[in-house]
Amino acid sequence: MMKKESLINAFKEEVKRTNQMTFPICVDSFTNLWQYEFGTLDDLPKEVEKLIAHRAIELGLME
């Protein structure tokens, strides 16, 4: 469980520094790492999904 929390916290910090160009790369890196560590994205916490959606909207990448 600690590994998941650590990954999520690192992702939250990284996402804050993203822009339109780096955001997709950041998300790809995180989801690839998550999938590698845990085998699936099915158990991705809702807070992470919300964070991704919120930041995408902020950056004008999603409506």
N, C-alpha and C. Protein backbone atom coordinates (compact mmCIF):
# COMPACT_ATOMS: atom_id res chain seq x y z
N MET A 1 0.83 -1.20 0.00
CA MET A 1 0.00 0.00 0.00
C MET A 1 0.87 1.26 0.00
N MET A 2 1.97 1.21 0.71
CA MET A 2 2.86 2.36 0.79
C MET A 2 3.39 2.73 -0.59
N LYS A 3 3.69 1.72 -1.40
CA LYS A 3 4.21 1.98 -2.74
C LYS A 3 3.18 2.74 -3.58
N LYS A 4 1.92 2.37 -3.47
CA LYS A 4 0.86 3.05 -4.22
C LYS A 4 0.77 4.50 -3.79
N GLU A 5 0.74 4.74 -2.48
CA GLU A 5 0.65 6.11 -1.96
C GLU A 5 1.83 6.95 -2.43
N SER A 6 3.00 6.35 -2.39
CA SER A 6 4.22 7.05 -2.80
C SER A 6 4.15 7.42 -4.28
N LEU A 7 3.71 6.50 -5.11
CA LEU A 7 3.57 6.76 -6.54
C LEU A 7 2.55 7.88 -6.80
N ILE A 8 1.43 7.80 -6.10
CA ILE A 8 0.37 8.80 -6.27
C ILE A 8 0.86 10.18 -5.86
N ASN A 9 1.54 10.25 -4.73
CA ASN A 9 2.05 11.54 -4.25
C ASN A 9 3.07 12.13 -5.22
N ALA A 10 3.95 11.30 -5.74
CA ALA A 10 4.94 11.77 -6.71
C ALA A 10 4.24 12.27 -7.97
N PHE A 11 3.21 11.55 -8.40
CA PHE A 11 2.46 11.94 -9.59
C PHE A 11 1.76 13.28 -9.38
N LYS A 12 1.15 13.45 -8.21
CA LYS A 12 0.46 14.71 -7.90
C LYS A 12 1.42 15.89 -8.02
N GLU A 13 2.61 15.74 -7.49
CA GLU A 13 3.61 16.81 -7.54
C GLU A 13 4.06 17.07 -8.98
N GLU A 14 4.27 16.01 -9.72
CA GLU A 14 4.74 16.13 -11.11
C GLU A 14 3.68 16.81 -11.99
N VAL A 15 2.43 16.43 -11.80
CA VAL A 15 1.34 16.97 -12.61
C VAL A 15 1.23 18.49 -12.44
N LYS A 16 1.49 18.98 -11.25
CA LYS A 16 1.41 20.43 -10.99
C LYS A 16 2.35 21.21 -11.90
N ARG A 17 3.45 20.60 -12.28
CA ARG A 17 4.47 21.29 -13.09
C ARG A 17 4.31 21.07 -14.59
N THR A 18 3.26 20.39 -15.00
CA THR A 18 3.09 20.08 -16.42
C THR A 18 2.47 21.24 -17.17
N ASN A 19 2.67 21.20 -18.48
CA ASN A 19 1.99 22.14 -19.39
C ASN A 19 1.30 21.30 -20.47
N GLN A 20 0.75 21.94 -21.48
CA GLN A 20 0.02 21.20 -22.51
C GLN A 20 0.89 20.14 -23.19
N MET A 21 2.16 20.44 -23.35
CA MET A 21 3.06 19.50 -24.03
C MET A 21 3.48 18.34 -23.13
N THR A 22 3.78 18.64 -21.87
CA THR A 22 4.34 17.62 -20.98
C THR A 22 3.29 16.80 -20.23
N PHE A 23 2.07 17.32 -20.14
CA PHE A 23 1.02 16.60 -19.41
C PHE A 23 0.78 15.19 -19.95
N PRO A 24 0.57 15.02 -21.27
CA PRO A 24 0.33 13.65 -21.77
C PRO A 24 1.51 12.70 -21.48
N ILE A 25 2.72 13.23 -21.56
CA ILE A 25 3.91 12.41 -21.29
C ILE A 25 3.93 11.99 -19.82
N CYS A 26 3.60 12.92 -18.95
CA CYS A 26 3.56 12.66 -17.51
C CYS A 26 2.52 11.57 -17.20
N VAL A 27 1.34 11.70 -17.79
CA VAL A 27 0.28 10.72 -17.56
C VAL A 27 0.69 9.34 -18.11
N ASP A 28 1.26 9.32 -19.30
CA ASP A 28 1.73 8.06 -19.89
C ASP A 28 2.77 7.39 -19.00
N SER A 29 3.72 8.17 -18.52
CA SER A 29 4.77 7.62 -17.66
C SER A 29 4.17 7.02 -16.39
N PHE A 30 3.26 7.78 -15.78
CA PHE A 30 2.63 7.29 -14.55
C PHE A 30 1.83 6.02 -14.79
N THR A 31 1.00 6.00 -15.84
CA THR A 31 0.17 4.82 -16.08
C THR A 31 1.02 3.61 -16.48
N ASN A 32 2.09 3.85 -17.23
CA ASN A 32 3.00 2.74 -17.57
C ASN A 32 3.65 2.16 -16.32
N LEU A 33 4.12 3.04 -15.44
CA LEU A 33 4.75 2.60 -14.20
C LEU A 33 3.74 1.86 -13.32
N TRP A 34 2.54 2.41 -13.21
CA TRP A 34 1.49 1.78 -12.40
C TRP A 34 1.18 0.38 -12.93
N GLN A 35 1.03 0.29 -14.23
CA GLN A 35 0.72 -1.00 -14.86
C GLN A 35 1.87 -1.99 -14.65
N TYR A 36 3.09 -1.52 -14.74
CA TYR A 36 4.26 -2.37 -14.52
C TYR A 36 4.28 -2.87 -13.07
N GLU A 37 4.05 -1.97 -12.14
CA GLU A 37 4.12 -2.33 -10.71
C GLU A 37 2.96 -3.22 -10.27
N PHE A 38 1.75 -2.92 -10.76
CA PHE A 38 0.56 -3.58 -10.23
C PHE A 38 -0.19 -4.44 -11.24
N GLY A 39 0.29 -4.47 -12.49
CA GLY A 39 -0.26 -5.39 -13.48
C GLY A 39 -1.51 -4.92 -14.21
N THR A 40 -2.15 -3.87 -13.71
CA THR A 40 -3.39 -3.42 -14.32
C THR A 40 -3.69 -1.98 -13.93
N LEU A 41 -4.49 -1.33 -14.76
CA LEU A 41 -4.95 0.02 -14.42
C LEU A 41 -6.34 -0.03 -13.78
N ASP A 42 -6.90 -1.24 -13.66
CA ASP A 42 -8.25 -1.40 -13.11
C ASP A 42 -8.37 -0.86 -11.69
N ASP A 43 -7.27 -0.94 -10.94
CA ASP A 43 -7.33 -0.50 -9.53
C ASP A 43 -6.78 0.91 -9.33
N LEU A 44 -6.71 1.67 -10.42
CA LEU A 44 -6.26 3.05 -10.32
C LEU A 44 -7.26 3.83 -9.46
N PRO A 45 -6.79 4.48 -8.41
CA PRO A 45 -7.71 5.19 -7.51
C PRO A 45 -8.48 6.30 -8.23
N LYS A 46 -9.73 6.50 -7.81
CA LYS A 46 -10.59 7.53 -8.40
C LYS A 46 -9.94 8.91 -8.28
N GLU A 47 -9.21 9.15 -7.17
CA GLU A 47 -8.57 10.46 -6.98
C GLU A 47 -7.56 10.75 -8.10
N VAL A 48 -6.91 9.71 -8.60
CA VAL A 48 -5.95 9.88 -9.69
C VAL A 48 -6.69 10.20 -10.99
N GLU A 49 -7.76 9.48 -11.23
CA GLU A 49 -8.57 9.74 -12.43
C GLU A 49 -9.10 11.17 -12.41
N LYS A 50 -9.58 11.62 -11.25
CA LYS A 50 -10.10 12.98 -11.12
C LYS A 50 -8.99 14.01 -11.32
N LEU A 51 -7.83 13.74 -10.76
CA LEU A 51 -6.69 14.65 -10.91
C LEU A 51 -6.30 14.80 -12.38
N ILE A 52 -6.25 13.69 -13.09
CA ILE A 52 -5.90 13.72 -14.52
C ILE A 52 -6.94 14.53 -15.29
N ALA A 53 -8.20 14.26 -15.05
CA ALA A 53 -9.27 14.97 -15.76
C ALA A 53 -9.24 16.47 -15.43
N HIS A 54 -9.08 16.80 -14.17
CA HIS A 54 -9.06 18.20 -13.73
C HIS A 54 -7.92 18.97 -14.38
N ARG A 55 -6.73 18.38 -14.38
CA ARG A 55 -5.57 19.05 -14.95
C ARG A 55 -5.70 19.18 -16.47
N ALA A 56 -6.26 18.16 -17.11
CA ALA A 56 -6.47 18.22 -18.56
C ALA A 56 -7.41 19.36 -18.92
N ILE A 57 -8.44 19.56 -18.11
CA ILE A 57 -9.36 20.66 -18.33
C ILE A 57 -8.66 22.00 -18.09
N GLU A 58 -7.90 22.10 -17.01
CA GLU A 58 -7.14 23.32 -16.71
C GLU A 58 -6.24 23.72 -17.87
N LEU A 59 -5.61 22.73 -18.48
CA LEU A 59 -4.67 22.98 -19.56
C LEU A 59 -5.36 23.15 -20.92
N GLY A 60 -6.68 23.02 -20.93
CA GLY A 60 -7.43 23.18 -22.17
C GLY A 60 -7.31 21.99 -23.11
N LEU A 61 -6.97 20.84 -22.56
CA LEU A 61 -6.82 19.63 -23.38
C LEU A 61 -8.11 18.83 -23.43
N MET A 62 -9.05 19.19 -22.56
CA MET A 62 -10.29 18.44 -22.45
C MET A 62 -11.38 19.44 -22.04
N GLU A 63 -12.60 19.16 -22.42
CA GLU A 63 -13.71 20.05 -22.01
C GLU A 63 -14.59 19.36 -21.02
